[in-house]
Amino acid sequence: MEFTSNKAIYLQIMDLICEKVLKGTWGEGEKIPSVRQLAVELEVNPNTVARSYSSLQDDGIIFNKRGIGYFISEEASKMVQNVEKSAFMKDDVPAFFKKIQLLGVSWKELSDLYQQYEQQ
């Protein structure tokens, strides 16, 4: 994974985990890599992964079984989708609408582009 400089690494790791949940790569009730395993895989400090896991646990997306490891919570997919959708609608959509208005992009152009995207 390549990290960007405009967002804290632990937040980017949280995004990665949430993406895996939404894609079904990590299913509800499934054990996820340990802090150390994921730190090695991503080439980051284990404390950074631990911070990500702690935040996700606080949000109810993952849970810890002491001595066994971390698991994806039931309903995690719905929770992640709701949080991500809310953030998208609040942060990204207004900027998107402003940009298409400034550029004079028509709804037909957007619709055609969306249909092309769906066919991929």
PDB file of N, CA and C in Angstrom:
ATOM      1  N   MET A   1       0.851  -1.175   0.000  1.00  0.00           N
ATOM      2  CA  MET A   1       0.000   0.000   0.000  1.00  0.00           C
ATOM      3  C   MET A   1       0.890   1.229   0.000  1.00  0.00           C
ATOM      4  N   GLU A   2       0.528   2.189  -0.835  1.00  0.00           N
ATOM      5  CA  GLU A   2       1.263   3.447  -0.859  1.00  0.00           C
ATOM      6  C   GLU A   2       0.440   4.484  -0.118  1.00  0.00           C
ATOM      7  N   PHE A   3       1.081   5.149   0.810  1.00  0.00           N
ATOM      8  CA  PHE A   3       0.401   6.138   1.630  1.00  0.00           C
ATOM      9  C   PHE A   3       0.578   7.528   1.045  1.00  0.00           C
ATOM     10  N   THR A   4      -0.447   8.355   1.220  1.00  0.00           N
ATOM     11  CA  THR A   4      -0.366   9.748   0.782  1.00  0.00           C
ATOM     12  C   THR A   4       0.016  10.614   1.979  1.00  0.00           C
ATOM     13  N   SER A   5       0.530  11.768   1.681  1.00  0.00           N
ATOM     14  CA  SER A   5       1.001  12.638   2.760  1.00  0.00           C
ATOM     15  C   SER A   5      -0.092  13.557   3.302  1.00  0.00           C
ATOM     16  N   ASN A   6      -1.249  13.575   2.668  1.00  0.00           N
ATOM     17  CA  ASN A   6      -2.292  14.506   3.088  1.00  0.00           C
ATOM     18  C   ASN A   6      -3.258  13.942   4.131  1.00  0.00           C
ATOM     19  N   LYS A   7      -2.992  12.719   4.599  1.00  0.00           N
ATOM     20  CA  LYS A   7      -3.873  12.083   5.581  1.00  0.00           C
ATOM     21  C   LYS A   7      -3.032  11.183   6.472  1.00  0.00           C
ATOM     22  N   ALA A   8      -3.330  11.173   7.763  1.00  0.00           N
ATOM     23  CA  ALA A   8      -2.567  10.354   8.698  1.00  0.00           C
ATOM     24  C   ALA A   8      -2.584   8.886   8.265  1.00  0.00           C
ATOM     25  N   ILE A   9      -1.469   8.204   8.466  1.00  0.00           N
ATOM     26  CA  ILE A   9      -1.342   6.810   8.033  1.00  0.00           C
ATOM     27  C   ILE A   9      -2.359   5.916   8.732  1.00  0.00           C
ATOM     28  N   TYR A  10      -2.597   6.140  10.022  1.00  0.00           N
ATOM     29  CA  TYR A  10      -3.553   5.271  10.711  1.00  0.00           C
ATOM     30  C   TYR A  10      -4.954   5.415  10.120  1.00  0.00           C
ATOM     31  N   LEU A  11      -5.295   6.612   9.638  1.00  0.00           N
ATOM     32  CA  LEU A  11      -6.595   6.820   8.991  1.00  0.00           C
ATOM     33  C   LEU A  11      -6.644   6.110   7.638  1.00  0.00           C
ATOM     34  N   GLN A  12      -5.525   6.115   6.927  1.00  0.00           N
ATOM     35  CA  GLN A  12      -5.468   5.413   5.646  1.00  0.00           C
ATOM     36  C   GLN A  12      -5.578   3.905   5.846  1.00  0.00           C
ATOM     37  N   ILE A  13      -5.016   3.407   6.931  1.00  0.00           N
ATOM     38  CA  ILE A  13      -5.151   1.982   7.246  1.00  0.00           C
ATOM     39  C   ILE A  13      -6.604   1.664   7.596  1.00  0.00           C
ATOM     40  N   MET A  14      -7.238   2.549   8.338  1.00  0.00           N
ATOM     41  CA  MET A  14      -8.668   2.361   8.641  1.00  0.00           C
ATOM     42  C   MET A  14      -9.476   2.323   7.352  1.00  0.00           C
ATOM     43  N   ASP A  15      -9.171   3.219   6.418  1.00  0.00           N
ATOM     44  CA  ASP A  15      -9.865   3.232   5.129  1.00  0.00           C
ATOM     45  C   ASP A  15      -9.661   1.919   4.382  1.00  0.00           C
ATOM     46  N   LEU A  16      -8.442   1.397   4.420  1.00  0.00           N
ATOM     47  CA  LEU A  16      -8.137   0.128   3.759  1.00  0.00           C
ATOM     48  C   LEU A  16      -8.969  -1.005   4.349  1.00  0.00           C
ATOM     49  N   ILE A  17      -9.044  -1.051   5.658  1.00  0.00           N
ATOM     50  CA  ILE A  17      -9.815  -2.101   6.328  1.00  0.00           C
ATOM     51  C   ILE A  17     -11.302  -1.964   5.990  1.00  0.00           C
ATOM     52  N   CYS A  18     -11.799  -0.735   6.033  1.00  0.00           N
ATOM     53  CA  CYS A  18     -13.208  -0.504   5.692  1.00  0.00           C
ATOM     54  C   CYS A  18     -13.501  -0.899   4.245  1.00  0.00           C
ATOM     55  N   GLU A  19     -12.562  -0.620   3.359  1.00  0.00           N
ATOM     56  CA  GLU A  19     -12.734  -1.012   1.960  1.00  0.00           C
ATOM     57  C   GLU A  19     -12.801  -2.535   1.834  1.00  0.00           C
ATOM     58  N   LYS A  20     -11.949  -3.239   2.576  1.00  0.00           N
ATOM     59  CA  LYS A  20     -11.969  -4.705   2.543  1.00  0.00           C
ATOM     60  C   LYS A  20     -13.301  -5.249   3.074  1.00  0.00           C
ATOM     61  N   VAL A  21     -13.856  -4.569   4.065  1.00  0.00           N
ATOM     62  CA  VAL A  21     -15.155  -4.976   4.608  1.00  0.00           C
ATOM     63  C   VAL A  21     -16.241  -4.744   3.554  1.00  0.00           C
ATOM     64  N   LEU A  22     -16.237  -3.574   2.920  1.00  0.00           N
ATOM     65  CA  LEU A  22     -17.261  -3.261   1.918  1.00  0.00           C
ATOM     66  C   LEU A  22     -17.179  -4.182   0.702  1.00  0.00           C
ATOM     67  N   LYS A  23     -15.968  -4.541   0.311  1.00  0.00           N
ATOM     68  CA  LYS A  23     -15.792  -5.430  -0.844  1.00  0.00           C
ATOM     69  C   LYS A  23     -16.067  -6.893  -0.499  1.00  0.00           C
ATOM     70  N   GLY A  24     -16.166  -7.194   0.801  1.00  0.00           N
ATOM     71  CA  GLY A  24     -16.400  -8.568   1.216  1.00  0.00           C
ATOM     72  C   GLY A  24     -15.128  -9.392   1.318  1.00  0.00           C
ATOM     73  N   THR A  25     -13.985  -8.747   1.170  1.00  0.00           N
ATOM     74  CA  THR A  25     -12.706  -9.445   1.307  1.00  0.00           C
ATOM     75  C   THR A  25     -12.569  -9.989   2.723  1.00  0.00           C
ATOM     76  N   TRP A  26     -12.977  -9.188   3.683  1.00  0.00           N
ATOM     77  CA  TRP A  26     -13.023  -9.598   5.087  1.00  0.00           C
ATOM     78  C   TRP A  26     -14.483  -9.589   5.505  1.00  0.00           C
ATOM     79  N   GLY A  27     -15.049 -10.759   5.691  1.00  0.00           N
ATOM     80  CA  GLY A  27     -16.464 -10.895   6.019  1.00  0.00           C
ATOM     81  C   GLY A  27     -16.751 -10.754   7.502  1.00  0.00           C
ATOM     82  N   GLU A  28     -17.998 -10.537   7.800  1.00  0.00           N
ATOM     83  CA  GLU A  28     -18.447 -10.383   9.182  1.00  0.00           C
ATOM     84  C   GLU A  28     -18.146 -11.653   9.966  1.00  0.00           C
ATOM     85  N   GLY A  29     -17.572 -11.498  11.147  1.00  0.00           N
ATOM     86  CA  GLY A  29     -17.200 -12.616  11.986  1.00  0.00           C
ATOM     87  C   GLY A  29     -15.837 -13.213  11.655  1.00  0.00           C
ATOM     88  N   GLU A  30     -15.223 -12.731  10.589  1.00  0.00           N
ATOM     89  CA  GLU A  30     -13.937 -13.269  10.148  1.00  0.00           C
ATOM     90  C   GLU A  30     -12.779 -12.663  10.935  1.00  0.00           C
ATOM     91  N   LYS A  31     -11.794 -13.489  11.240  1.00  0.00           N
ATOM     92  CA  LYS A  31     -10.583 -13.035  11.917  1.00  0.00           C
ATOM     93  C   LYS A  31      -9.744 -12.243  10.923  1.00  0.00           C
ATOM     94  N   ILE A  32      -9.188 -11.136  11.387  1.00  0.00           N
ATOM     95  CA  ILE A  32      -8.334 -10.308  10.539  1.00  0.00           C
ATOM     96  C   ILE A  32      -6.891 -10.443  11.018  1.00  0.00           C
ATOM     97  N   PRO A  33      -5.932  -9.988  10.203  1.00  0.00           N
ATOM     98  CA  PRO A  33      -4.527 -10.117  10.609  1.00  0.00           C
ATOM     99  C   PRO A  33      -4.261  -9.432  11.953  1.00  0.00           C
ATOM    100  N   SER A  34      -3.306  -9.993  12.678  1.00  0.00           N
ATOM    101  CA  SER A  34      -2.906  -9.376  13.938  1.00  0.00           C
ATOM    102  C   SER A  34      -2.263  -8.020  13.656  1.00  0.00           C
ATOM    103  N   VAL A  35      -2.123  -7.240  14.701  1.00  0.00           N
ATOM    104  CA  VAL A  35      -1.479  -5.927  14.565  1.00  0.00           C
ATOM    105  C   VAL A  35      -0.099  -6.096  13.940  1.00  0.00           C
ATOM    106  N   ARG A  36       0.660  -7.021  14.440  1.00  0.00           N
ATOM    107  CA  ARG A  36       2.024  -7.225  13.926  1.00  0.00           C
ATOM    108  C   ARG A  36       2.020  -7.717  12.489  1.00  0.00           C
ATOM    109  N   GLN A  37       1.123  -8.645  12.168  1.00  0.00           N
ATOM    110  CA  GLN A  37       1.058  -9.158  10.794  1.00  0.00           C
ATOM    111  C   GLN A  37       0.755  -8.031   9.805  1.00  0.00           C
ATOM    112  N   LEU A  38      -0.238  -7.230  10.137  1.00  0.00           N
ATOM    113  CA  LEU A  38      -0.613  -6.154   9.220  1.00  0.00           C
ATOM    114  C   LEU A  38       0.486  -5.097   9.146  1.00  0.00           C
ATOM    115  N   ALA A  39       1.146  -4.826  10.268  1.00  0.00           N
ATOM    116  CA  ALA A  39       2.243  -3.858  10.274  1.00  0.00           C
ATOM    117  C   ALA A  39       3.372  -4.312   9.349  1.00  0.00           C
ATOM    118  N   VAL A  40       3.686  -5.595   9.396  1.00  0.00           N
ATOM    119  CA  VAL A  40       4.735  -6.133   8.519  1.00  0.00           C
ATOM    120  C   VAL A  40       4.293  -6.036   7.062  1.00  0.00           C
ATOM    121  N   GLU A  41       3.052  -6.433   6.807  1.00  0.00           N
ATOM    122  CA  GLU A  41       2.514  -6.410   5.437  1.00  0.00           C
ATOM    123  C   GLU A  41       2.524  -4.998   4.858  1.00  0.00           C
ATOM    124  N   LEU A  42       2.150  -4.008   5.671  1.00  0.00           N
ATOM    125  CA  LEU A  42       2.060  -2.622   5.190  1.00  0.00           C
ATOM    126  C   LEU A  42       3.356  -1.836   5.383  1.00  0.00           C
ATOM    127  N   GLU A  43       4.319  -2.453   6.044  1.00  0.00           N
ATOM    128  CA  GLU A  43       5.612  -1.823   6.324  1.00  0.00           C
ATOM    129  C   GLU A  43       5.443  -0.536   7.127  1.00  0.00           C
ATOM    130  N   VAL A  44       4.686  -0.655   8.229  1.00  0.00           N
ATOM    131  CA  VAL A  44       4.486   0.473   9.135  1.00  0.00           C
ATOM    132  C   VAL A  44       4.763   0.017  10.565  1.00  0.00           C
ATOM    133  N   ASN A  45       4.839   0.972  11.457  1.00  0.00           N
ATOM    134  CA  ASN A  45       5.050   0.689  12.869  1.00  0.00           C
ATOM    135  C   ASN A  45       3.811  -0.013  13.436  1.00  0.00           C
ATOM    136  N   PRO A  46       3.976  -1.063  14.219  1.00  0.00           N
ATOM    137  CA  PRO A  46       2.820  -1.747  14.821  1.00  0.00           C
ATOM    138  C   PRO A  46       1.921  -0.808  15.645  1.00  0.00           C
ATOM    139  N   ASN A  47       2.497   0.229  16.241  1.00  0.00           N
ATOM    140  CA  ASN A  47       1.687   1.189  16.996  1.00  0.00           C
ATOM    141  C   ASN A  47       0.680   1.915  16.099  1.00  0.00           C
ATOM    142  N   THR A  48       1.066   2.117  14.843  1.00  0.00           N
ATOM    143  CA  THR A  48       0.166   2.773  13.890  1.00  0.00           C
ATOM    144  C   THR A  48      -1.026   1.873  13.597  1.00  0.00           C
ATOM    145  N   VAL A  49      -0.774   0.592  13.372  1.00  0.00           N
ATOM    146  CA  VAL A  49      -1.859  -0.363  13.132  1.00  0.00           C
ATOM    147  C   VAL A  49      -2.718  -0.489  14.385  1.00  0.00           C
ATOM    148  N   ALA A  50      -2.072  -0.535  15.552  1.00  0.00           N
ATOM    149  CA  ALA A  50      -2.817  -0.639  16.816  1.00  0.00           C
ATOM    150  C   ALA A  50      -3.765   0.545  16.980  1.00  0.00           C
ATOM    151  N   ARG A  51      -3.314   1.725  16.583  1.00  0.00           N
ATOM    152  CA  ARG A  51      -4.173   2.918  16.664  1.00  0.00           C
ATOM    153  C   ARG A  51      -5.379   2.773  15.723  1.00  0.00           C
ATOM    154  N   SER A  52      -5.135   2.249  14.536  1.00  0.00           N
ATOM    155  CA  SER A  52      -6.231   2.018  13.582  1.00  0.00           C
ATOM    156  C   SER A  52      -7.231   1.026  14.152  1.00  0.00           C
ATOM    157  N   TYR A  53      -6.730  -0.085  14.680  1.00  0.00           N
ATOM    158  CA  TYR A  53      -7.593  -1.109  15.251  1.00  0.00           C
ATOM    159  C   TYR A  53      -8.387  -0.558  16.437  1.00  0.00           C
ATOM    160  N   SER A  54      -7.731   0.239  17.248  1.00  0.00           N
ATOM    161  CA  SER A  54      -8.411   0.823  18.413  1.00  0.00           C
ATOM    162  C   SER A  54      -9.572   1.714  17.975  1.00  0.00           C
ATOM    163  N   SER A  55      -9.344   2.537  16.970  1.00  0.00           N
ATOM    164  CA  SER A  55     -10.409   3.414  16.462  1.00  0.00           C
ATOM    165  C   SER A  55     -11.546   2.614  15.851  1.00  0.00           C
ATOM    166  N   LEU A  56     -11.204   1.579  15.082  1.00  0.00           N
ATOM    167  CA  LEU A  56     -12.230   0.732  14.474  1.00  0.00           C
ATOM    168  C   LEU A  56     -13.011  -0.030  15.536  1.00  0.00           C
ATOM    169  N   GLN A  57     -12.324  -0.416  16.597  1.00  0.00           N
ATOM    170  CA  GLN A  57     -13.006  -1.100  17.701  1.00  0.00           C
ATOM    171  C   GLN A  57     -13.943  -0.124  18.413  1.00  0.00           C
ATOM    172  N   ASP A  58     -13.504   1.105  18.620  1.00  0.00           N
ATOM    173  CA  ASP A  58     -14.358   2.130  19.232  1.00  0.00           C
ATOM    174  C   ASP A  58     -15.611   2.382  18.394  1.00  0.00           C
ATOM    175  N   ASP A  59     -15.460   2.271  17.066  1.00  0.00           N
ATOM    176  CA  ASP A  59     -16.588   2.484  16.151  1.00  0.00           C
ATOM    177  C   ASP A  59     -17.476   1.252  16.019  1.00  0.00           C
ATOM    178  N   GLY A  60     -17.047   0.135  16.603  1.00  0.00           N
ATOM    179  CA  GLY A  60     -17.838  -1.088  16.549  1.00  0.00           C
ATOM    180  C   GLY A  60     -17.667  -1.896  15.282  1.00  0.00           C
ATOM    181  N   ILE A  61     -16.676  -1.563  14.486  1.00  0.00           N
ATOM    182  CA  ILE A  61     -16.473  -2.245  13.215  1.00  0.00           C
ATOM    183  C   ILE A  61     -15.695  -3.543  13.402  1.00  0.00           C
ATOM    184  N   ILE A  62     -14.772  -3.539  14.348  1.00  0.00           N
ATOM    185  CA  ILE A  62     -14.060  -4.762  14.691  1.00  0.00           C
ATOM    186  C   ILE A  62     -14.178  -4.971  16.201  1.00  0.00           C
ATOM    187  N   PHE A  63     -13.891  -6.199  16.637  1.00  0.00           N
ATOM    188  CA  PHE A  63     -13.861  -6.481  18.072  1.00  0.00           C
ATOM    189  C   PHE A  63     -12.707  -7.427  18.367  1.00  0.00           C
ATOM    190  N   ASN A  64     -12.284  -7.419  19.610  1.00  0.00           N
ATOM    191  CA  ASN A  64     -11.141  -8.215  20.037  1.00  0.00           C
ATOM    192  C   ASN A  64     -11.605  -9.349  20.939  1.00  0.00           C
ATOM    193  N   LYS A  65     -11.158 -10.550  20.616  1.00  0.00           N
ATOM    194  CA  LYS A  65     -11.337 -11.681  21.517  1.00  0.00           C
ATOM    195  C   LYS A  65      -9.984 -11.878  22.181  1.00  0.00           C
ATOM    196  N   ARG A  66      -9.929 -11.549  23.444  1.00  0.00           N
ATOM    197  CA  ARG A  66      -8.665 -11.570  24.174  1.00  0.00           C
ATOM    198  C   ARG A  66      -7.930 -12.894  23.973  1.00  0.00           C
ATOM    199  N   GLY A  67      -6.671 -12.780  23.561  1.00  0.00           N
ATOM    200  CA  GLY A  67      -5.834 -13.949  23.357  1.00  0.00           C
ATOM    201  C   GLY A  67      -6.035 -14.642  22.026  1.00  0.00           C
ATOM    202  N   ILE A  68      -7.064 -14.235  21.273  1.00  0.00           N
ATOM    203  CA  ILE A  68      -7.351 -14.889  19.992  1.00  0.00           C
ATOM    204  C   ILE A  68      -7.075 -13.943  18.822  1.00  0.00           C
ATOM    205  N   GLY A  69      -7.523 -12.695  18.938  1.00  0.00           N
ATOM    206  CA  GLY A  69      -7.285 -11.723  17.878  1.00  0.00           C
ATOM    207  C   GLY A  69      -8.478 -10.841  17.610  1.00  0.00           C
ATOM    208  N   TYR A  70      -8.380 -10.118  16.511  1.00  0.00           N
ATOM    209  CA  TYR A  70      -9.431  -9.187  16.098  1.00  0.00           C
ATOM    210  C   TYR A  70     -10.305  -9.822  15.029  1.00  0.00           C
ATOM    211  N   PHE A  71     -11.594  -9.465  15.083  1.00  0.00           N
ATOM    212  CA  PHE A  71     -12.581 -10.000  14.156  1.00  0.00           C
ATOM    213  C   PHE A  71     -13.463  -8.875  13.634  1.00  0.00           C
ATOM    214  N   ILE A  72     -14.037  -9.102  12.453  1.00  0.00           N
ATOM    215  CA  ILE A  72     -14.985  -8.150  11.877  1.00  0.00           C
ATOM    216  C   ILE A  72     -16.326  -8.339  12.584  1.00  0.00           C
ATOM    217  N   SER A  73     -16.899  -7.243  13.046  1.00  0.00           N
ATOM    218  CA  SER A  73     -18.179  -7.289  13.765  1.00  0.00           C
ATOM    219  C   SER A  73     -19.329  -7.624  12.833  1.00  0.00           C
ATOM    220  N   GLU A  74     -20.385  -8.177  13.440  1.00  0.00           N
ATOM    221  CA  GLU A  74     -21.627  -8.368  12.698  1.00  0.00           C
ATOM    222  C   GLU A  74     -22.144  -6.973  12.340  1.00  0.00           C
ATOM    223  N   GLU A  75     -22.728  -6.838  11.198  1.00  0.00           N
ATOM    224  CA  GLU A  75     -23.266  -5.561  10.725  1.00  0.00           C
ATOM    225  C   GLU A  75     -22.165  -4.545  10.393  1.00  0.00           C
ATOM    226  N   ALA A  76     -20.898  -4.968  10.370  1.00  0.00           N
ATOM    227  CA  ALA A  76     -19.798  -4.045  10.070  1.00  0.00           C
ATOM    228  C   ALA A  76     -19.965  -3.422   8.693  1.00  0.00           C
ATOM    229  N   SER A  77     -20.383  -4.230   7.737  1.00  0.00           N
ATOM    230  CA  SER A  77     -20.550  -3.729   6.369  1.00  0.00           C
ATOM    231  C   SER A  77     -21.564  -2.595   6.320  1.00  0.00           C
ATOM    232  N   LYS A  78     -22.693  -2.774   6.999  1.00  0.00           N
ATOM    233  CA  LYS A  78     -23.724  -1.723   7.040  1.00  0.00           C
ATOM    234  C   LYS A  78     -23.205  -0.480   7.746  1.00  0.00           C
ATOM    235  N   MET A  79     -22.491  -0.689   8.865  1.00  0.00           N
ATOM    236  CA  MET A  79     -21.955   0.452   9.612  1.00  0.00           C
ATOM    237  C   MET A  79     -20.962   1.241   8.769  1.00  0.00           C
ATOM    238  N   VAL A  80     -20.051   0.528   8.105  1.00  0.00           N
ATOM    239  CA  VAL A  80     -19.051   1.194   7.263  1.00  0.00           C
ATOM    240  C   VAL A  80     -19.734   1.919   6.120  1.00  0.00           C
ATOM    241  N   GLN A  81     -20.688   1.256   5.494  1.00  0.00           N
ATOM    242  CA  GLN A  81     -21.385   1.876   4.371  1.00  0.00           C
ATOM    243  C   GLN A  81     -22.099   3.147   4.802  1.00  0.00           C
ATOM    244  N   ASN A  82     -22.763   3.119   5.944  1.00  0.00           N
ATOM    245  CA  ASN A  82     -23.464   4.310   6.433  1.00  0.00           C
ATOM    246  C   ASN A  82     -22.506   5.454   6.722  1.00  0.00           C
ATOM    247  N   VAL A  83     -21.388   5.156   7.375  1.00  0.00           N
ATOM    248  CA  VAL A  83     -20.405   6.191   7.703  1.00  0.00           C
ATOM    249  C   VAL A  83     -19.782   6.758   6.429  1.00  0.00           C
ATOM    250  N   GLU A  84     -19.387   5.867   5.526  1.00  0.00           N
ATOM    251  CA  GLU A  84     -18.749   6.298   4.283  1.00  0.00           C
ATOM    252  C   GLU A  84     -19.723   7.101   3.402  1.00  0.00           C
ATOM    253  N   LYS A  85     -20.956   6.655   3.357  1.00  0.00           N
ATOM    254  CA  LYS A  85     -21.955   7.355   2.544  1.00  0.00           C
ATOM    255  C   LYS A  85     -22.212   8.750   3.101  1.00  0.00           C
ATOM    256  N   SER A  86     -22.327   8.849   4.407  1.00  0.00           N
ATOM    257  CA  SER A  86     -22.548  10.141   5.053  1.00  0.00           C
ATOM    258  C   SER A  86     -21.389  11.095   4.770  1.00  0.00           C
ATOM    259  N   ALA A  87     -20.167  10.599   4.921  1.00  0.00           N
ATOM    260  CA  ALA A  87     -18.988  11.431   4.659  1.00  0.00           C
ATOM    261  C   ALA A  87     -18.929  11.837   3.188  1.00  0.00           C
ATOM    262  N   PHE A  88     -19.245  10.914   2.292  1.00  0.00           N
ATOM    263  CA  PHE A  88     -19.247  11.200   0.863  1.00  0.00           C
ATOM    264  C   PHE A  88     -20.263  12.297   0.534  1.00  0.00           C
ATOM    265  N   MET A  89     -21.476  12.156   1.072  1.00  0.00           N
ATOM    266  CA  MET A  89     -22.533  13.132   0.790  1.00  0.00           C
ATOM    267  C   MET A  89     -22.194  14.513   1.372  1.00  0.00           C
ATOM    268  N   LYS A  90     -21.532  14.523   2.517  1.00  0.00           N
ATOM    269  CA  LYS A  90     -21.199  15.785   3.182  1.00  0.00           C
ATOM    270  C   LYS A  90     -19.973  16.456   2.574  1.00  0.00           C
ATOM    271  N   ASP A  91     -18.955  15.663   2.244  1.00  0.00           N
ATOM    272  CA  ASP A  91     -17.680  16.233   1.825  1.00  0.00           C
ATOM    273  C   ASP A  91     -17.465  16.252   0.312  1.00  0.00           C
ATOM    274  N   ASP A  92     -17.738  15.145  -0.348  1.00  0.00           N
ATOM    275  CA  ASP A  92     -17.383  15.007  -1.754  1.00  0.00           C
ATOM    276  C   ASP A  92     -18.446  15.527  -2.721  1.00  0.00           C
ATOM    277  N   VAL A  93     -19.702  15.251  -2.436  1.00  0.00           N
ATOM    278  CA  VAL A  93     -20.769  15.623  -3.379  1.00  0.00           C
ATOM    279  C   VAL A  93     -20.866  17.137  -3.589  1.00  0.00           C
ATOM    280  N   PRO A  94     -20.836  17.956  -2.535  1.00  0.00           N
ATOM    281  CA  PRO A  94     -20.900  19.405  -2.783  1.00  0.00           C
ATOM    282  C   PRO A  94     -19.746  19.912  -3.659  1.00  0.00           C
ATOM    283  N   ALA A  95     -18.544  19.405  -3.426  1.00  0.00           N
ATOM    284  CA  ALA A  95     -17.396  19.804  -4.247  1.00  0.00           C
ATOM    285  C   ALA A  95     -17.579  19.330  -5.688  1.00  0.00           C
ATOM    286  N   PHE A  96     -18.129  18.140  -5.846  1.00  0.00           N
ATOM    287  CA  PHE A  96     -18.400  17.588  -7.174  1.00  0.00           C
ATOM    288  C   PHE A  96     -19.401  18.460  -7.925  1.00  0.00           C
ATOM    289  N   PHE A  97     -20.510  18.806  -7.252  1.00  0.00           N
ATOM    290  CA  PHE A  97     -21.526  19.651  -7.897  1.00  0.00           C
ATOM    291  C   PHE A  97     -20.961  21.023  -8.271  1.00  0.00           C
ATOM    292  N   LYS A  98     -20.166  21.575  -7.405  1.00  0.00           N
ATOM    293  CA  LYS A  98     -19.560  22.880  -7.690  1.00  0.00           C
ATOM    294  C   LYS A  98     -18.678  22.793  -8.934  1.00  0.00           C
ATOM    295  N   LYS A  99     -17.883  21.726  -9.006  1.00  0.00           N
ATOM    296  CA  LYS A  99     -16.962  21.553 -10.132  1.00  0.00           C
ATOM    297  C   LYS A  99     -17.714  21.351 -11.453  1.00  0.00           C
ATOM    298  N   ILE A 100     -18.755  20.509 -11.458  1.00  0.00           N
ATOM    299  CA  ILE A 100     -19.474  20.289 -12.722  1.00  0.00           C
ATOM    300  C   ILE A 100     -20.206  21.557 -13.153  1.00  0.00           C
ATOM    301  N   GLN A 101     -20.666  22.341 -12.177  1.00  0.00           N
ATOM    302  CA  GLN A 101     -21.322  23.594 -12.510  1.00  0.00           C
ATOM    303  C   GLN A 101     -20.321  24.574 -13.128  1.00  0.00           C
ATOM    304  N   LEU A 102     -19.153  24.683 -12.522  1.00  0.00           N
ATOM    305  CA  LEU A 102     -18.124  25.583 -13.043  1.00  0.00           C
ATOM    306  C   LEU A 102     -17.656  25.186 -14.438  1.00  0.00           C
ATOM    307  N   LEU A 103     -17.594  23.886 -14.684  1.00  0.00           N
ATOM    308  CA  LEU A 103     -17.108  23.392 -15.976  1.00  0.00           C
ATOM    309  C   LEU A 103     -18.208  23.257 -17.021  1.00  0.00           C
ATOM    310  N   GLY A 104     -19.452  23.456 -16.614  1.00  0.00           N
ATOM    311  CA  GLY A 104     -20.557  23.356 -17.554  1.00  0.00           C
ATOM    312  C   GLY A 104     -20.829  21.934 -18.020  1.00  0.00           C
ATOM    313  N   VAL A 105     -20.574  20.965 -17.162  1.00  0.00           N
ATOM    314  CA  VAL A 105     -20.830  19.569 -17.500  1.00  0.00           C
ATOM    315  C   VAL A 105     -22.332  19.314 -17.389  1.00  0.00           C
ATOM    316  N   SER A 106     -22.897  18.707 -18.442  1.00  0.00           N
ATOM    317  CA  SER A 106     -24.340  18.460 -18.449  1.00  0.00           C
ATOM    318  C   SER A 106     -24.668  17.135 -17.765  1.00  0.00           C
ATOM    319  N   TRP A 107     -25.946  17.002 -17.369  1.00  0.00           N
ATOM    320  CA  TRP A 107     -26.394  15.753 -16.760  1.00  0.00           C
ATOM    321  C   TRP A 107     -26.315  14.613 -17.765  1.00  0.00           C
ATOM    322  N   LYS A 108     -26.511  14.910 -19.044  1.00  0.00           N
ATOM    323  CA  LYS A 108     -26.408  13.887 -20.093  1.00  0.00           C
ATOM    324  C   LYS A 108     -24.983  13.358 -20.159  1.00  0.00           C
ATOM    325  N   GLU A 109     -24.003  14.266 -20.111  1.00  0.00           N
ATOM    326  CA  GLU A 109     -22.604  13.836 -20.131  1.00  0.00           C
ATOM    327  C   GLU A 109     -22.293  12.952 -18.918  1.00  0.00           C
ATOM    328  N   LEU A 110     -22.788  13.354 -17.776  1.00  0.00           N
ATOM    329  CA  LEU A 110     -22.571  12.566 -16.557  1.00  0.00           C
ATOM    330  C   LEU A 110     -23.237  11.201 -16.661  1.00  0.00           C
ATOM    331  N   SER A 111     -24.455  11.191 -17.176  1.00  0.00           N
ATOM    332  CA  SER A 111     -25.194   9.942 -17.322  1.00  0.00           C
ATOM    333  C   SER A 111     -24.470   8.995 -18.276  1.00  0.00           C
ATOM    334  N   ASP A 112     -24.002   9.529 -19.405  1.00  0.00           N
ATOM    335  CA  ASP A 112     -23.272   8.706 -20.367  1.00  0.00           C
ATOM    336  C   ASP A 112     -21.996   8.139 -19.746  1.00  0.00           C
ATOM    337  N   LEU A 113     -21.285   8.978 -19.020  1.00  0.00           N
ATOM    338  CA  LEU A 113     -20.049   8.544 -18.373  1.00  0.00           C
ATOM    339  C   LEU A 113     -20.333   7.491 -17.315  1.00  0.00           C
ATOM    340  N   TYR A 114     -21.398   7.669 -16.554  1.00  0.00           N
ATOM    341  CA  TYR A 114     -21.772   6.704 -15.535  1.00  0.00           C
ATOM    342  C   TYR A 114     -22.120   5.355 -16.164  1.00  0.00           C
ATOM    343  N   GLN A 115     -22.838   5.380 -17.268  1.00  0.00           N
ATOM    344  CA  GLN A 115     -23.198   4.136 -17.953  1.00  0.00           C
ATOM    345  C   GLN A 115     -21.950   3.413 -18.464  1.00  0.00           C
ATOM    346  N   GLN A 116     -20.976   4.172 -18.952  1.00  0.00           N
ATOM    347  CA  GLN A 116     -19.704   3.567 -19.382  1.00  0.00           C
ATOM    348  C   GLN A 116     -18.999   2.916 -18.197  1.00  0.00           C
ATOM    349  N   TYR A 117     -19.028   3.594 -17.075  1.00  0.00           N
ATOM    350  CA  TYR A 117     -18.379   3.084 -15.871  1.00  0.00           C
ATOM    351  C   TYR A 117     -19.034   1.794 -15.391  1.00  0.00           C
ATOM    352  N   GLU A 118     -20.373   1.752 -15.447  1.00  0.00           N
ATOM    353  CA  GLU A 118     -21.096   0.556 -15.013  1.00  0.00           C
ATOM    354  C   GLU A 118     -20.772  -0.655 -15.870  1.00  0.00           C
ATOM    355  N   GLN A 119     -20.461  -0.427 -17.143  1.00  0.00           N
ATOM    356  CA  GLN A 119     -20.193  -1.533 -18.060  1.00  0.00           C
ATOM    357  C   GLN A 119     -18.798  -2.117 -17.890  1.00  0.00           C
ATOM    358  N   GLN A 120     -17.949  -1.464 -17.148  1.00  0.00           N
ATOM    359  CA  GLN A 120     -16.574  -1.954 -16.967  1.00  0.00           C
ATOM    360  C   GLN A 120     -16.522  -3.149 -16.075  1.00  0.00           C
TER     361      GLN A 120
END
